[in-house]
């Protein structure tokens, strides 16, 4: 986790959730605060990590890749490709 903790996060919850957090933190021999912090951090990391990932079935992926192999008719793009190049190799 790292660093000095200078921020505070408060949460309201129901009695059952509080009891469950208390039991789980006791089983792990950590404070409720440490348990909740790790659970929240882990959940947030999963959400952020998946934000840049697109999940799809193998069939959908194969159809997408096949569609990318088929050239679209694009006269505008062909015109642009015929323009003089600014960058040369």
C-alpha atoms as a PDB file:
ATOM      1  CA  UNK A   1       0.000   0.000   0.000  1.00  0.00           C
ATOM      2  CA  UNK A   2       2.836   2.359   0.832  1.00  0.00           C
ATOM      3  CA  UNK A   3       3.215   5.869   2.060  1.00  0.00           C
ATOM      4  CA  UNK A   4       1.851   7.900   4.920  1.00  0.00           C
ATOM      5  CA  UNK A   5      -1.903   7.723   5.159  1.00  0.00           C
ATOM      6  CA  UNK A   6      -3.290  11.244   5.178  1.00  0.00           C
ATOM      7  CA  UNK A   7      -6.734  10.695   3.651  1.00  0.00           C
ATOM      8  CA  UNK A   8      -9.899   9.534   5.335  1.00  0.00           C
ATOM      9  CA  UNK A   9     -12.704   7.489   3.789  1.00  0.00           C
ATOM     10  CA  UNK A  10     -15.927   6.882   5.689  1.00  0.00           C
ATOM     11  CA  UNK A  11     -18.702   4.527   4.755  1.00  0.00           C
ATOM     12  CA  UNK A  12     -22.167   3.799   6.083  1.00  0.00           C
ATOM     13  CA  UNK A  13     -23.266   0.200   6.062  1.00  0.00           C
ATOM     14  CA  UNK A  14     -25.906  -2.130   7.444  1.00  0.00           C
ATOM     15  CA  UNK A  15     -25.500  -4.287  10.545  1.00  0.00           C
ATOM     16  CA  UNK A  16     -24.956  -7.545   8.629  1.00  0.00           C
ATOM     17  CA  UNK A  17     -22.157  -6.088   6.479  1.00  0.00           C
ATOM     18  CA  UNK A  18     -20.455  -4.644   9.565  1.00  0.00           C
ATOM     19  CA  UNK A  19     -20.669  -8.042  11.287  1.00  0.00           C
ATOM     20  CA  UNK A  20     -19.249  -9.770   8.219  1.00  0.00           C
ATOM     21  CA  UNK A  21     -16.348  -7.297   7.975  1.00  0.00           C
ATOM     22  CA  UNK A  22     -15.637  -7.749  11.687  1.00  0.00           C
ATOM     23  CA  UNK A  23     -15.590 -11.528  11.347  1.00  0.00           C
ATOM     24  CA  UNK A  24     -13.430 -11.508   8.230  1.00  0.00           C
ATOM     25  CA  UNK A  25     -10.925  -9.052   9.655  1.00  0.00           C
ATOM     26  CA  UNK A  26     -10.676 -11.118  12.856  1.00  0.00           C
ATOM     27  CA  UNK A  27     -10.031 -14.275  10.830  1.00  0.00           C
ATOM     28  CA  UNK A  28      -7.188 -12.500   9.032  1.00  0.00           C
ATOM     29  CA  UNK A  29      -5.887 -10.905  12.244  1.00  0.00           C
ATOM     30  CA  UNK A  30      -6.088  -7.388  10.807  1.00  0.00           C
ATOM     31  CA  UNK A  31      -8.066  -4.335  11.829  1.00  0.00           C
ATOM     32  CA  UNK A  32     -11.425  -3.643  10.219  1.00  0.00           C
ATOM     33  CA  UNK A  33      -9.877  -0.536   8.702  1.00  0.00           C
ATOM     34  CA  UNK A  34      -7.032  -2.536   7.127  1.00  0.00           C
ATOM     35  CA  UNK A  35      -9.454  -5.174   5.861  1.00  0.00           C
ATOM     36  CA  UNK A  36     -11.797  -2.626   4.282  1.00  0.00           C
ATOM     37  CA  UNK A  37      -8.902  -0.639   2.799  1.00  0.00           C
ATOM     38  CA  UNK A  38      -7.440  -3.731   1.105  1.00  0.00           C
ATOM     39  CA  UNK A  39     -10.867  -4.857  -0.158  1.00  0.00           C
ATOM     40  CA  UNK A  40     -11.640  -1.417  -1.581  1.00  0.00           C
ATOM     41  CA  UNK A  41      -8.160  -1.061  -3.122  1.00  0.00           C
ATOM     42  CA  UNK A  42      -8.407  -4.508  -4.732  1.00  0.00           C
ATOM     43  CA  UNK A  43     -11.874  -3.823  -6.155  1.00  0.00           C
ATOM     44  CA  UNK A  44     -10.804  -0.406  -7.468  1.00  0.00           C
ATOM     45  CA  UNK A  45      -7.703  -1.865  -9.134  1.00  0.00           C
ATOM     46  CA  UNK A  46      -9.823  -4.494 -10.903  1.00  0.00           C
ATOM     47  CA  UNK A  47     -12.249  -1.844 -12.188  1.00  0.00           C
ATOM     48  CA  UNK A  48      -9.457   0.426 -13.421  1.00  0.00           C
ATOM     49  CA  UNK A  49      -7.565  -2.468 -15.027  1.00  0.00           C
ATOM     50  CA  UNK A  50     -10.661  -3.576 -16.940  1.00  0.00           C
ATOM     51  CA  UNK A  51     -11.450  -0.061 -18.157  1.00  0.00           C
ATOM     52  CA  UNK A  52      -9.017  -0.483 -21.064  1.00  0.00           C
ATOM     53  CA  UNK A  53      -9.965  -4.082 -21.856  1.00  0.00           C
ATOM     54  CA  UNK A  54     -12.746  -5.183 -24.161  1.00  0.00           C
ATOM     55  CA  UNK A  55     -14.060  -8.648 -23.413  1.00  0.00           C
ATOM     56  CA  UNK A  56     -15.730 -10.671 -26.136  1.00  0.00           C
ATOM     57  CA  UNK A  57     -16.306 -14.272 -27.059  1.00  0.00           C
ATOM     58  CA  UNK A  58     -13.916 -16.044 -29.408  1.00  0.00           C
ATOM     59  CA  UNK A  59     -16.607 -16.075 -32.104  1.00  0.00           C
ATOM     60  CA  UNK A  60     -17.094 -12.300 -31.932  1.00  0.00           C
ATOM     61  CA  UNK A  61     -13.321 -11.748 -31.962  1.00  0.00           C
ATOM     62  CA  UNK A  62     -12.916 -13.978 -35.029  1.00  0.00           C
ATOM     63  CA  UNK A  63     -15.731 -12.144 -36.839  1.00  0.00           C
ATOM     64  CA  UNK A  64     -14.142  -8.787 -36.004  1.00  0.00           C
ATOM     65  CA  UNK A  65     -10.726  -9.904 -37.271  1.00  0.00           C
ATOM     66  CA  UNK A  66     -12.271 -11.296 -40.466  1.00  0.00           C
ATOM     67  CA  UNK A  67     -14.085  -7.988 -41.040  1.00  0.00           C
ATOM     68  CA  UNK A  68     -10.788  -6.123 -40.721  1.00  0.00           C
ATOM     69  CA  UNK A  69      -9.323  -8.223 -43.536  1.00  0.00           C
ATOM     70  CA  UNK A  70     -11.967  -7.020 -46.019  1.00  0.00           C
ATOM     71  CA  UNK A  71     -11.059  -3.739 -47.687  1.00  0.00           C
ATOM     72  CA  UNK A  72     -13.734  -1.067 -47.712  1.00  0.00           C
ATOM     73  CA  UNK A  73     -14.300   1.011 -50.838  1.00  0.00           C
ATOM     74  CA  UNK A  74     -13.018   4.447 -49.872  1.00  0.00           C
ATOM     75  CA  UNK A  75     -12.313   6.832 -52.760  1.00  0.00           C
ATOM     76  CA  UNK A  76     -11.492   9.640 -50.295  1.00  0.00           C
ATOM     77  CA  UNK A  77      -8.797   7.558 -48.646  1.00  0.00           C
ATOM     78  CA  UNK A  78      -7.404   6.558 -52.037  1.00  0.00           C
ATOM     79  CA  UNK A  79      -7.201  10.262 -52.976  1.00  0.00           C
ATOM     80  CA  UNK A  80      -5.360  11.036 -49.763  1.00  0.00           C
ATOM     81  CA  UNK A  81      -2.924   8.172 -50.357  1.00  0.00           C
ATOM     82  CA  UNK A  82      -1.983   9.722 -53.730  1.00  0.00           C
ATOM     83  CA  UNK A  83      -0.971  13.053 -52.161  1.00  0.00           C
ATOM     84  CA  UNK A  84       2.752  13.846 -51.906  1.00  0.00           C
ATOM     85  CA  UNK A  85       4.366  12.514 -48.763  1.00  0.00           C
ATOM     86  CA  UNK A  86       5.701  14.951 -46.219  1.00  0.00           C
ATOM     87  CA  UNK A  87       7.841  12.339 -44.475  1.00  0.00           C
ATOM     88  CA  UNK A  88      10.230  10.254 -46.545  1.00  0.00           C
ATOM     89  CA  UNK A  89      12.273   7.246 -45.602  1.00  0.00           C
END
